[in-house]
Amino acid sequence: MEAVKEGRHIIMRVPIEGGGRLVVQLNAEEAKELGAVLNAVVS
């Protein structure tokens, strides 16, 4: 999994079954919200 900042966006690449990657473009607010949701699930 990787995430890089490109301009005003964050590009996240997540490996998926079968060898591909899911590519998601987020803004800072969406990235914070995603982090909070994931933290709630794994806590």
PDB file of N, CA and C in Angstrom:
ATOM      1  N   MET A   1       0.857  -1.159   0.000  1.00  0.00           N
ATOM      2  CA  MET A   1       0.000   0.000   0.000  1.00  0.00           C
ATOM      3  C   MET A   1       0.904   1.223   0.000  1.00  0.00           C
ATOM      4  N   GLU A   2       0.516   2.238  -0.726  1.00  0.00           N
ATOM      5  CA  GLU A   2       1.287   3.473  -0.723  1.00  0.00           C
ATOM      6  C   GLU A   2       0.364   4.668  -0.876  1.00  0.00           C
ATOM      7  N   ALA A   3       0.826   5.789  -0.399  1.00  0.00           N
ATOM      8  CA  ALA A   3       0.091   7.046  -0.544  1.00  0.00           C
ATOM      9  C   ALA A   3       1.119   8.142  -0.786  1.00  0.00           C
ATOM     10  N   VAL A   4       0.866   8.970  -1.793  1.00  0.00           N
ATOM     11  CA  VAL A   4       1.763  10.074  -2.113  1.00  0.00           C
ATOM     12  C   VAL A   4       0.931  11.338  -2.318  1.00  0.00           C
ATOM     13  N   LYS A   5       1.538  12.451  -1.994  1.00  0.00           N
ATOM     14  CA  LYS A   5       0.866  13.735  -2.207  1.00  0.00           C
ATOM     15  C   LYS A   5       1.283  14.270  -3.573  1.00  0.00           C
ATOM     16  N   GLU A   6       0.299  14.571  -4.389  1.00  0.00           N
ATOM     17  CA  GLU A   6       0.533  15.134  -5.717  1.00  0.00           C
ATOM     18  C   GLU A   6      -0.296  16.404  -5.828  1.00  0.00           C
ATOM     19  N   GLY A   7       0.364  17.532  -5.701  1.00  0.00           N
ATOM     20  CA  GLY A   7      -0.363  18.799  -5.717  1.00  0.00           C
ATOM     21  C   GLY A   7      -1.261  18.903  -4.509  1.00  0.00           C
ATOM     22  N   ARG A   8      -2.549  19.153  -4.754  1.00  0.00           N
ATOM     23  CA  ARG A   8      -3.505  19.277  -3.653  1.00  0.00           C
ATOM     24  C   ARG A   8      -4.171  17.955  -3.300  1.00  0.00           C
ATOM     25  N   HIS A   9      -3.796  16.875  -3.988  1.00  0.00           N
ATOM     26  CA  HIS A   9      -4.454  15.587  -3.787  1.00  0.00           C
ATOM     27  C   HIS A   9      -3.498  14.560  -3.195  1.00  0.00           C
ATOM     28  N   ILE A  10      -4.078  13.533  -2.596  1.00  0.00           N
ATOM     29  CA  ILE A  10      -3.344  12.385  -2.090  1.00  0.00           C
ATOM     30  C   ILE A  10      -3.768  11.201  -2.955  1.00  0.00           C
ATOM     31  N   ILE A  11      -2.790  10.535  -3.537  1.00  0.00           N
ATOM     32  CA  ILE A  11      -3.062   9.370  -4.369  1.00  0.00           C
ATOM     33  C   ILE A  11      -2.705   8.135  -3.553  1.00  0.00           C
ATOM     34  N   MET A  12      -3.682   7.257  -3.371  1.00  0.00           N
ATOM     35  CA  MET A  12      -3.486   6.045  -2.584  1.00  0.00           C
ATOM     36  C   MET A  12      -3.609   4.848  -3.516  1.00  0.00           C
ATOM     37  N   ARG A  13      -2.641   3.945  -3.439  1.00  0.00           N
ATOM     38  CA  ARG A  13      -2.653   2.718  -4.243  1.00  0.00           C
ATOM     39  C   ARG A  13      -2.703   1.532  -3.299  1.00  0.00           C
ATOM     40  N   VAL A  14      -3.755   0.725  -3.442  1.00  0.00           N
ATOM     41  CA  VAL A  14      -3.983  -0.411  -2.549  1.00  0.00           C
ATOM     42  C   VAL A  14      -3.952  -1.686  -3.387  1.00  0.00           C
ATOM     43  N   PRO A  15      -3.059  -2.635  -3.047  1.00  0.00           N
ATOM     44  CA  PRO A  15      -3.036  -3.911  -3.776  1.00  0.00           C
ATOM     45  C   PRO A  15      -4.350  -4.669  -3.587  1.00  0.00           C
ATOM     46  N   ILE A  16      -4.809  -5.315  -4.646  1.00  0.00           N
ATOM     47  CA  ILE A  16      -6.027  -6.116  -4.573  1.00  0.00           C
ATOM     48  C   ILE A  16      -5.730  -7.536  -5.043  1.00  0.00           C
ATOM     49  N   GLU A  17      -6.626  -8.445  -4.730  1.00  0.00           N
ATOM     50  CA  GLU A  17      -6.461  -9.832  -5.166  1.00  0.00           C
ATOM     51  C   GLU A  17      -6.355  -9.888  -6.672  1.00  0.00           C
ATOM     52  N   GLY A  18      -5.528 -10.783  -7.154  1.00  0.00           N
ATOM     53  CA  GLY A  18      -5.370 -10.935  -8.590  1.00  0.00           C
ATOM     54  C   GLY A  18      -4.205 -10.133  -9.139  1.00  0.00           C
ATOM     55  N   GLY A  19      -3.535  -9.358  -8.279  1.00  0.00           N
ATOM     56  CA  GLY A  19      -2.340  -8.644  -8.700  1.00  0.00           C
ATOM     57  C   GLY A  19      -2.534  -7.208  -9.123  1.00  0.00           C
ATOM     58  N   GLY A  20      -3.749  -6.720  -9.163  1.00  0.00           N
ATOM     59  CA  GLY A  20      -3.976  -5.334  -9.554  1.00  0.00           C
ATOM     60  C   GLY A  20      -3.852  -4.382  -8.382  1.00  0.00           C
ATOM     61  N   ARG A  21      -4.140  -3.125  -8.653  1.00  0.00           N
ATOM     62  CA  ARG A  21      -4.132  -2.100  -7.605  1.00  0.00           C
ATOM     63  C   ARG A  21      -5.358  -1.218  -7.755  1.00  0.00           C
ATOM     64  N   LEU A  22      -5.933  -0.884  -6.623  1.00  0.00           N
ATOM     65  CA  LEU A  22      -7.011   0.089  -6.570  1.00  0.00           C
ATOM     66  C   LEU A  22      -6.359   1.441  -6.349  1.00  0.00           C
ATOM     67  N   VAL A  23      -6.629   2.388  -7.228  1.00  0.00           N
ATOM     68  CA  VAL A  23      -6.050   3.722  -7.115  1.00  0.00           C
ATOM     69  C   VAL A  23      -7.161   4.695  -6.753  1.00  0.00           C
ATOM     70  N   VAL A  24      -6.939   5.434  -5.655  1.00  0.00           N
ATOM     71  CA  VAL A  24      -7.946   6.365  -5.145  1.00  0.00           C
ATOM     72  C   VAL A  24      -7.304   7.737  -4.990  1.00  0.00           C
ATOM     73  N   GLN A  25      -8.006   8.758  -5.455  1.00  0.00           N
ATOM     74  CA  GLN A  25      -7.544  10.137  -5.296  1.00  0.00           C
ATOM     75  C   GLN A  25      -8.400  10.802  -4.227  1.00  0.00           C
ATOM     76  N   LEU A  26      -7.744  11.334  -3.192  1.00  0.00           N
ATOM     77  CA  LEU A  26      -8.442  11.958  -2.069  1.00  0.00           C
ATOM     78  C   LEU A  26      -7.931  13.367  -1.848  1.00  0.00           C
ATOM     79  N   ASN A  27      -8.776  14.210  -1.275  1.00  0.00           N
ATOM     80  CA  ASN A  27      -8.276  15.491  -0.782  1.00  0.00           C
ATOM     81  C   ASN A  27      -7.944  15.302   0.702  1.00  0.00           C
ATOM     82  N   ALA A  28      -7.366  16.303   1.326  1.00  0.00           N
ATOM     83  CA  ALA A  28      -6.921  16.179   2.718  1.00  0.00           C
ATOM     84  C   ALA A  28      -8.074  15.844   3.662  1.00  0.00           C
ATOM     85  N   GLU A  29      -9.216  16.450   3.473  1.00  0.00           N
ATOM     86  CA  GLU A  29     -10.363  16.193   4.350  1.00  0.00           C
ATOM     87  C   GLU A  29     -10.839  14.744   4.214  1.00  0.00           C
ATOM     88  N   GLU A  30     -10.906  14.252   2.996  1.00  0.00           N
ATOM     89  CA  GLU A  30     -11.318  12.862   2.778  1.00  0.00           C
ATOM     90  C   GLU A  30     -10.309  11.884   3.379  1.00  0.00           C
ATOM     91  N   ALA A  31      -9.028  12.204   3.285  1.00  0.00           N
ATOM     92  CA  ALA A  31      -7.996  11.344   3.865  1.00  0.00           C
ATOM     93  C   ALA A  31      -8.134  11.290   5.386  1.00  0.00           C
ATOM     94  N   LYS A  32      -8.414  12.429   6.015  1.00  0.00           N
ATOM     95  CA  LYS A  32      -8.620  12.453   7.465  1.00  0.00           C
ATOM     96  C   LYS A  32      -9.836  11.624   7.852  1.00  0.00           C
ATOM     97  N   GLU A  33     -10.909  11.748   7.091  1.00  0.00           N
ATOM     98  CA  GLU A  33     -12.123  10.986   7.371  1.00  0.00           C
ATOM     99  C   GLU A  33     -11.873   9.489   7.198  1.00  0.00           C
ATOM    100  N   LEU A  34     -11.158   9.110   6.149  1.00  0.00           N
ATOM    101  CA  LEU A  34     -10.818   7.702   5.935  1.00  0.00           C
ATOM    102  C   LEU A  34      -9.984   7.170   7.092  1.00  0.00           C
ATOM    103  N   GLY A  35      -9.003   7.947   7.540  1.00  0.00           N
ATOM    104  CA  GLY A  35      -8.184   7.545   8.676  1.00  0.00           C
ATOM    105  C   GLY A  35      -9.011   7.315   9.926  1.00  0.00           C
ATOM    106  N   ALA A  36      -9.949   8.201  10.200  1.00  0.00           N
ATOM    107  CA  ALA A  36     -10.798   8.061  11.380  1.00  0.00           C
ATOM    108  C   ALA A  36     -11.678   6.817  11.283  1.00  0.00           C
ATOM    109  N   VAL A  37     -12.237   6.555  10.116  1.00  0.00           N
ATOM    110  CA  VAL A  37     -13.091   5.387   9.925  1.00  0.00           C
ATOM    111  C   VAL A  37     -12.282   4.102  10.101  1.00  0.00           C
ATOM    112  N   LEU A  38     -11.083   4.063   9.521  1.00  0.00           N
ATOM    113  CA  LEU A  38     -10.247   2.875   9.655  1.00  0.00           C
ATOM    114  C   LEU A  38      -9.788   2.669  11.087  1.00  0.00           C
ATOM    115  N   ASN A  39      -9.434   3.735  11.781  1.00  0.00           N
ATOM    116  CA  ASN A  39      -9.040   3.626  13.193  1.00  0.00           C
ATOM    117  C   ASN A  39     -10.167   3.081  14.047  1.00  0.00           C
ATOM    118  N   ALA A  40     -11.387   3.472  13.758  1.00  0.00           N
ATOM    119  CA  ALA A  40     -12.531   2.981  14.524  1.00  0.00           C
ATOM    120  C   ALA A  40     -12.730   1.485  14.329  1.00  0.00           C
ATOM    121  N   VAL A  41     -12.437   0.995  13.143  1.00  0.00           N
ATOM    122  CA  VAL A  41     -12.632  -0.421  12.836  1.00  0.00           C
ATOM    123  C   VAL A  41     -11.553  -1.279  13.487  1.00  0.00           C
ATOM    124  N   VAL A  42     -10.321  -0.817  13.496  1.00  0.00           N
ATOM    125  CA  VAL A  42      -9.229  -1.645  14.010  1.00  0.00           C
ATOM    126  C   VAL A  42      -8.956  -1.433  15.495  1.00  0.00           C
ATOM    127  N   SER A  43      -9.601  -0.482  16.117  1.00  0.00           N
ATOM    128  CA  SER A  43      -9.376  -0.233  17.551  1.00  0.00           C
ATOM    129  C   SER A  43     -10.142  -1.195  18.416  1.00  0.00           C
TER     130      SER A  43
END
